[in-house]
Amino acid sequence: MKSLMVVVAIPVLFAGTADAKPCSKHPVEAAGKVDKATCLKAYKRKQARKNMAWPPNPTVAEIRRRVDRIGGKGTYAKAWRIARCETGANPRHFPNGRYIGMMGMYVKTYQYGARRTKYPTLHTATPQQQIAIAVASWPITRGWSGWGCRGA
């Protein structure tokens, strides 16, 4: 009977912590601490950025999280394998050619993905942004089937 009580008590403990509000532990006026209003403002900004499809100036972790959410677990790693196969992962591969960037994308396809993500052109895009642009262009390329190294 005791083991049954332990099993029942555990969900009750977790239910109470799941409802905790962000910044609820901040004292109003603590020396050297951030006040509750500032904490809530930062939390709301962070949540708004988290809900953006493609945030401006993304970190590597933000790109990885979004790409894996769109294509499934391991999509970000597959993008790097494709980039290594296509161009040796050279982010400035043929900047004025027909196939550009580290993913070896056709110019029009790259431009489509860049418009959807609002990330910069090839000359200033980071490798992670180029991966995001490639994934954003999936409506044109039908996933990875538009790449010669799709089996990488």
C-alpha atoms as a PDB file:
ATOM      1  CA  MET A   1       0.000   0.000   0.000  1.00  0.00           C
ATOM      2  CA  LYS A   2       2.914   2.336   0.674  1.00  0.00           C
ATOM      3  CA  SER A   3       4.214   1.996  -2.882  1.00  0.00           C
ATOM      4  CA  LEU A   4       0.783   2.983  -4.175  1.00  0.00           C
ATOM      5  CA  MET A   5       0.836   6.120  -2.041  1.00  0.00           C
ATOM      6  CA  VAL A   6       4.281   7.085  -3.358  1.00  0.00           C
ATOM      7  CA  VAL A   7       3.116   6.737  -6.963  1.00  0.00           C
ATOM      8  CA  VAL A   8       0.065   8.890  -6.264  1.00  0.00           C
ATOM      9  CA  ALA A   9       2.054  11.516  -4.316  1.00  0.00           C
ATOM     10  CA  ILE A  10       4.659  12.115  -7.057  1.00  0.00           C
ATOM     11  CA  PRO A  11       2.241  13.550  -9.654  1.00  0.00           C
ATOM     12  CA  VAL A  12       0.779  15.832  -6.995  1.00  0.00           C
ATOM     13  CA  LEU A  13       4.246  17.239  -6.232  1.00  0.00           C
ATOM     14  CA  PHE A  14       4.980  17.941  -9.896  1.00  0.00           C
ATOM     15  CA  ALA A  15       1.574  19.491 -10.512  1.00  0.00           C
ATOM     16  CA  GLY A  16       2.285  22.222  -7.970  1.00  0.00           C
ATOM     17  CA  THR A  17       5.637  23.186  -9.535  1.00  0.00           C
ATOM     18  CA  ALA A  18       4.313  23.227 -13.098  1.00  0.00           C
ATOM     19  CA  ASP A  19       1.907  26.063 -12.287  1.00  0.00           C
ATOM     20  CA  ALA A  20       4.647  28.364 -10.923  1.00  0.00           C
ATOM     21  CA  LYS A  21       4.702  31.796 -12.543  1.00  0.00           C
ATOM     22  CA  PRO A  22       7.906  33.187 -14.042  1.00  0.00           C
ATOM     23  CA  CYS A  23       9.675  35.740 -11.863  1.00  0.00           C
ATOM     24  CA  SER A  24       7.459  34.921  -8.869  1.00  0.00           C
ATOM     25  CA  LYS A  25      10.465  34.535  -6.561  1.00  0.00           C
ATOM     26  CA  HIS A  26      11.798  38.050  -7.162  1.00  0.00           C
ATOM     27  CA  PRO A  27      11.513  40.364  -4.192  1.00  0.00           C
ATOM     28  CA  VAL A  28      10.244  43.817  -5.065  1.00  0.00           C
ATOM     29  CA  GLU A  29      13.271  45.677  -3.757  1.00  0.00           C
ATOM     30  CA  ALA A  30      16.308  43.432  -3.294  1.00  0.00           C
ATOM     31  CA  ALA A  31      19.812  44.820  -3.317  1.00  0.00           C
ATOM     32  CA  GLY A  32      21.611  43.864  -6.522  1.00  0.00           C
ATOM     33  CA  LYS A  33      18.674  41.832  -7.844  1.00  0.00           C
ATOM     34  CA  VAL A  34      16.442  42.450 -10.834  1.00  0.00           C
ATOM     35  CA  ASP A  35      12.984  43.613  -9.854  1.00  0.00           C
ATOM     36  CA  LYS A  36       9.922  41.623 -10.818  1.00  0.00           C
ATOM     37  CA  ALA A  37       8.720  44.049 -13.532  1.00  0.00           C
ATOM     38  CA  THR A  38      12.074  43.925 -15.334  1.00  0.00           C
ATOM     39  CA  CYS A  39      12.131  40.154 -15.062  1.00  0.00           C
ATOM     40  CA  LEU A  40       8.638  39.849 -16.538  1.00  0.00           C
ATOM     41  CA  LYS A  41       9.512  42.195 -19.398  1.00  0.00           C
ATOM     42  CA  ALA A  42      12.599  40.107 -20.244  1.00  0.00           C
ATOM     43  CA  TYR A  43      10.574  36.904 -19.972  1.00  0.00           C
ATOM     44  CA  LYS A  44       7.919  38.230 -22.385  1.00  0.00           C
ATOM     45  CA  ARG A  45      10.608  39.319 -24.873  1.00  0.00           C
ATOM     46  CA  LYS A  46      12.205  35.880 -24.667  1.00  0.00           C
ATOM     47  CA  GLN A  47       8.843  34.148 -25.216  1.00  0.00           C
ATOM     48  CA  ALA A  48       8.004  36.406 -28.178  1.00  0.00           C
ATOM     49  CA  ARG A  49      11.367  35.611 -29.787  1.00  0.00           C
ATOM     50  CA  LYS A  50      10.850  31.901 -29.093  1.00  0.00           C
ATOM     51  CA  ASN A  51       7.512  32.020 -30.944  1.00  0.00           C
ATOM     52  CA  MET A  52       8.964  33.711 -34.062  1.00  0.00           C
ATOM     53  CA  ALA A  53       9.362  31.460 -37.083  1.00  0.00           C
ATOM     54  CA  TRP A  54      12.833  32.818 -37.876  1.00  0.00           C
ATOM     55  CA  PRO A  55      14.163  35.338 -35.304  1.00  0.00           C
ATOM     56  CA  PRO A  56      16.595  38.068 -36.377  1.00  0.00           C
ATOM     57  CA  ASN A  57      20.284  37.492 -35.544  1.00  0.00           C
ATOM     58  CA  PRO A  58      19.721  33.901 -34.383  1.00  0.00           C
ATOM     59  CA  THR A  59      22.065  31.873 -32.260  1.00  0.00           C
ATOM     60  CA  VAL A  60      23.227  28.445 -33.383  1.00  0.00           C
ATOM     61  CA  ALA A  61      20.929  26.824 -30.808  1.00  0.00           C
ATOM     62  CA  GLU A  62      17.902  28.765 -32.100  1.00  0.00           C
ATOM     63  CA  ILE A  63      18.548  27.651 -35.688  1.00  0.00           C
ATOM     64  CA  ARG A  64      19.149  24.043 -34.624  1.00  0.00           C
ATOM     65  CA  ARG A  65      15.941  23.977 -32.573  1.00  0.00           C
ATOM     66  CA  ARG A  66      13.811  25.403 -35.401  1.00  0.00           C
ATOM     67  CA  VAL A  67      15.330  23.232 -38.138  1.00  0.00           C
ATOM     68  CA  ASP A  68      14.891  20.076 -36.060  1.00  0.00           C
ATOM     69  CA  ARG A  69      11.307  21.094 -35.250  1.00  0.00           C
ATOM     70  CA  ILE A  70      10.507  21.549 -38.962  1.00  0.00           C
ATOM     71  CA  GLY A  71      12.223  18.461 -40.341  1.00  0.00           C
ATOM     72  CA  GLY A  72      12.379  16.185 -37.333  1.00  0.00           C
ATOM     73  CA  LYS A  73      15.181  15.197 -35.012  1.00  0.00           C
ATOM     74  CA  GLY A  74      18.544  15.115 -36.781  1.00  0.00           C
ATOM     75  CA  THR A  75      17.621  17.494 -39.612  1.00  0.00           C
ATOM     76  CA  TYR A  76      20.246  20.037 -38.565  1.00  0.00           C
ATOM     77  CA  ALA A  77      22.960  17.338 -38.561  1.00  0.00           C
ATOM     78  CA  LYS A  78      21.782  16.121 -41.985  1.00  0.00           C
ATOM     79  CA  ALA A  79      22.014  19.683 -43.317  1.00  0.00           C
ATOM     80  CA  TRP A  80      25.661  19.801 -42.285  1.00  0.00           C
ATOM     81  CA  ARG A  81      26.320  16.423 -43.959  1.00  0.00           C
ATOM     82  CA  ILE A  82      24.711  17.691 -47.173  1.00  0.00           C
ATOM     83  CA  ALA A  83      26.747  20.906 -47.007  1.00  0.00           C
ATOM     84  CA  ARG A  84      29.979  18.925 -46.617  1.00  0.00           C
ATOM     85  CA  CYS A  85      29.029  16.700 -49.539  1.00  0.00           C
ATOM     86  CA  GLU A  86      27.882  19.531 -51.842  1.00  0.00           C
ATOM     87  CA  THR A  87      30.596  22.153 -51.332  1.00  0.00           C
ATOM     88  CA  GLY A  88      32.824  21.020 -48.496  1.00  0.00           C
ATOM     89  CA  ALA A  89      30.721  23.298 -46.229  1.00  0.00           C
ATOM     90  CA  ASN A  90      32.262  26.393 -47.831  1.00  0.00           C
ATOM     91  CA  PRO A  91      29.878  29.250 -46.898  1.00  0.00           C
ATOM     92  CA  ARG A  92      31.093  31.423 -49.814  1.00  0.00           C
ATOM     93  CA  HIS A  93      30.944  28.728 -52.511  1.00  0.00           C
ATOM     94  CA  PHE A  94      30.699  30.394 -55.945  1.00  0.00           C
ATOM     95  CA  PRO A  95      29.153  33.653 -54.698  1.00  0.00           C
ATOM     96  CA  ASN A  96      28.475  34.785 -58.269  1.00  0.00           C
ATOM     97  CA  GLY A  97      27.662  31.432 -59.857  1.00  0.00           C
ATOM     98  CA  ARG A  98      24.486  29.515 -60.659  1.00  0.00           C
ATOM     99  CA  TYR A  99      24.677  27.341 -57.517  1.00  0.00           C
ATOM    100  CA  ILE A 100      25.676  29.313 -54.451  1.00  0.00           C
ATOM    101  CA  GLY A 101      26.397  29.009 -50.764  1.00  0.00           C
ATOM    102  CA  MET A 102      27.467  26.201 -48.560  1.00  0.00           C
ATOM    103  CA  MET A 103      24.420  24.113 -49.518  1.00  0.00           C
ATOM    104  CA  GLY A 104      25.068  24.525 -53.251  1.00  0.00           C
ATOM    105  CA  MET A 105      21.600  26.013 -53.809  1.00  0.00           C
ATOM    106  CA  TYR A 106      20.287  27.324 -57.104  1.00  0.00           C
ATOM    107  CA  VAL A 107      20.237  31.150 -56.935  1.00  0.00           C
ATOM    108  CA  LYS A 108      16.434  31.515 -57.215  1.00  0.00           C
ATOM    109  CA  THR A 109      15.875  28.866 -54.547  1.00  0.00           C
ATOM    110  CA  TYR A 110      18.329  30.610 -52.222  1.00  0.00           C
ATOM    111  CA  GLN A 111      16.553  33.926 -52.797  1.00  0.00           C
ATOM    112  CA  TYR A 112      13.182  32.309 -52.000  1.00  0.00           C
ATOM    113  CA  GLY A 113      14.474  30.920 -48.697  1.00  0.00           C
ATOM    114  CA  ALA A 114      16.155  34.230 -47.839  1.00  0.00           C
ATOM    115  CA  ARG A 115      12.854  36.088 -48.361  1.00  0.00           C
ATOM    116  CA  ARG A 116      11.003  33.659 -46.088  1.00  0.00           C
ATOM    117  CA  THR A 117      13.551  33.861 -43.274  1.00  0.00           C
ATOM    118  CA  LYS A 118      14.500  37.519 -43.814  1.00  0.00           C
ATOM    119  CA  TYR A 119      18.144  36.513 -43.352  1.00  0.00           C
ATOM    120  CA  PRO A 120      20.891  38.359 -45.237  1.00  0.00           C
ATOM    121  CA  THR A 121      22.260  37.659 -48.648  1.00  0.00           C
ATOM    122  CA  LEU A 122      24.936  35.086 -49.289  1.00  0.00           C
ATOM    123  CA  HIS A 123      27.823  37.469 -48.682  1.00  0.00           C
ATOM    124  CA  THR A 124      26.894  38.121 -45.039  1.00  0.00           C
ATOM    125  CA  ALA A 125      24.867  35.032 -44.041  1.00  0.00           C
ATOM    126  CA  THR A 126      26.384  32.730 -41.441  1.00  0.00           C
ATOM    127  CA  PRO A 127      26.522  28.976 -42.101  1.00  0.00           C
ATOM    128  CA  GLN A 128      23.624  28.439 -39.675  1.00  0.00           C
ATOM    129  CA  GLN A 129      21.545  31.069 -41.470  1.00  0.00           C
ATOM    130  CA  GLN A 130      22.289  29.314 -44.765  1.00  0.00           C
ATOM    131  CA  ILE A 131      20.963  26.074 -43.281  1.00  0.00           C
ATOM    132  CA  ALA A 132      17.819  27.908 -42.175  1.00  0.00           C
ATOM    133  CA  ILE A 133      17.449  29.363 -45.682  1.00  0.00           C
ATOM    134  CA  ALA A 134      17.793  25.872 -47.175  1.00  0.00           C
ATOM    135  CA  VAL A 135      15.097  24.469 -44.870  1.00  0.00           C
ATOM    136  CA  ALA A 136      12.839  27.465 -45.532  1.00  0.00           C
ATOM    137  CA  SER A 137      13.069  26.706 -49.251  1.00  0.00           C
ATOM    138  CA  TRP A 138      11.659  23.185 -48.799  1.00  0.00           C
ATOM    139  CA  PRO A 139       8.357  24.072 -50.501  1.00  0.00           C
ATOM    140  CA  ILE A 140      10.382  24.437 -53.708  1.00  0.00           C
ATOM    141  CA  THR A 141      12.871  21.601 -53.189  1.00  0.00           C
ATOM    142  CA  ARG A 142      10.453  19.119 -51.559  1.00  0.00           C
ATOM    143  CA  GLY A 143      12.668  18.586 -48.562  1.00  0.00           C
ATOM    144  CA  TRP A 144      16.164  17.341 -49.260  1.00  0.00           C
ATOM    145  CA  SER A 145      15.156  15.819 -52.614  1.00  0.00           C
ATOM    146  CA  GLY A 146      16.349  18.988 -54.387  1.00  0.00           C
ATOM    147  CA  TRP A 147      19.973  18.302 -53.472  1.00  0.00           C
ATOM    148  CA  GLY A 148      22.358  15.952 -55.268  1.00  0.00           C
ATOM    149  CA  CYS A 149      23.752  14.771 -51.924  1.00  0.00           C
ATOM    150  CA  ARG A 150      20.324  14.102 -50.374  1.00  0.00           C
ATOM    151  CA  GLY A 151      21.489  10.647 -49.255  1.00  0.00           C
ATOM    152  CA  ALA A 152      24.346  12.054 -47.138  1.00  0.00           C
END
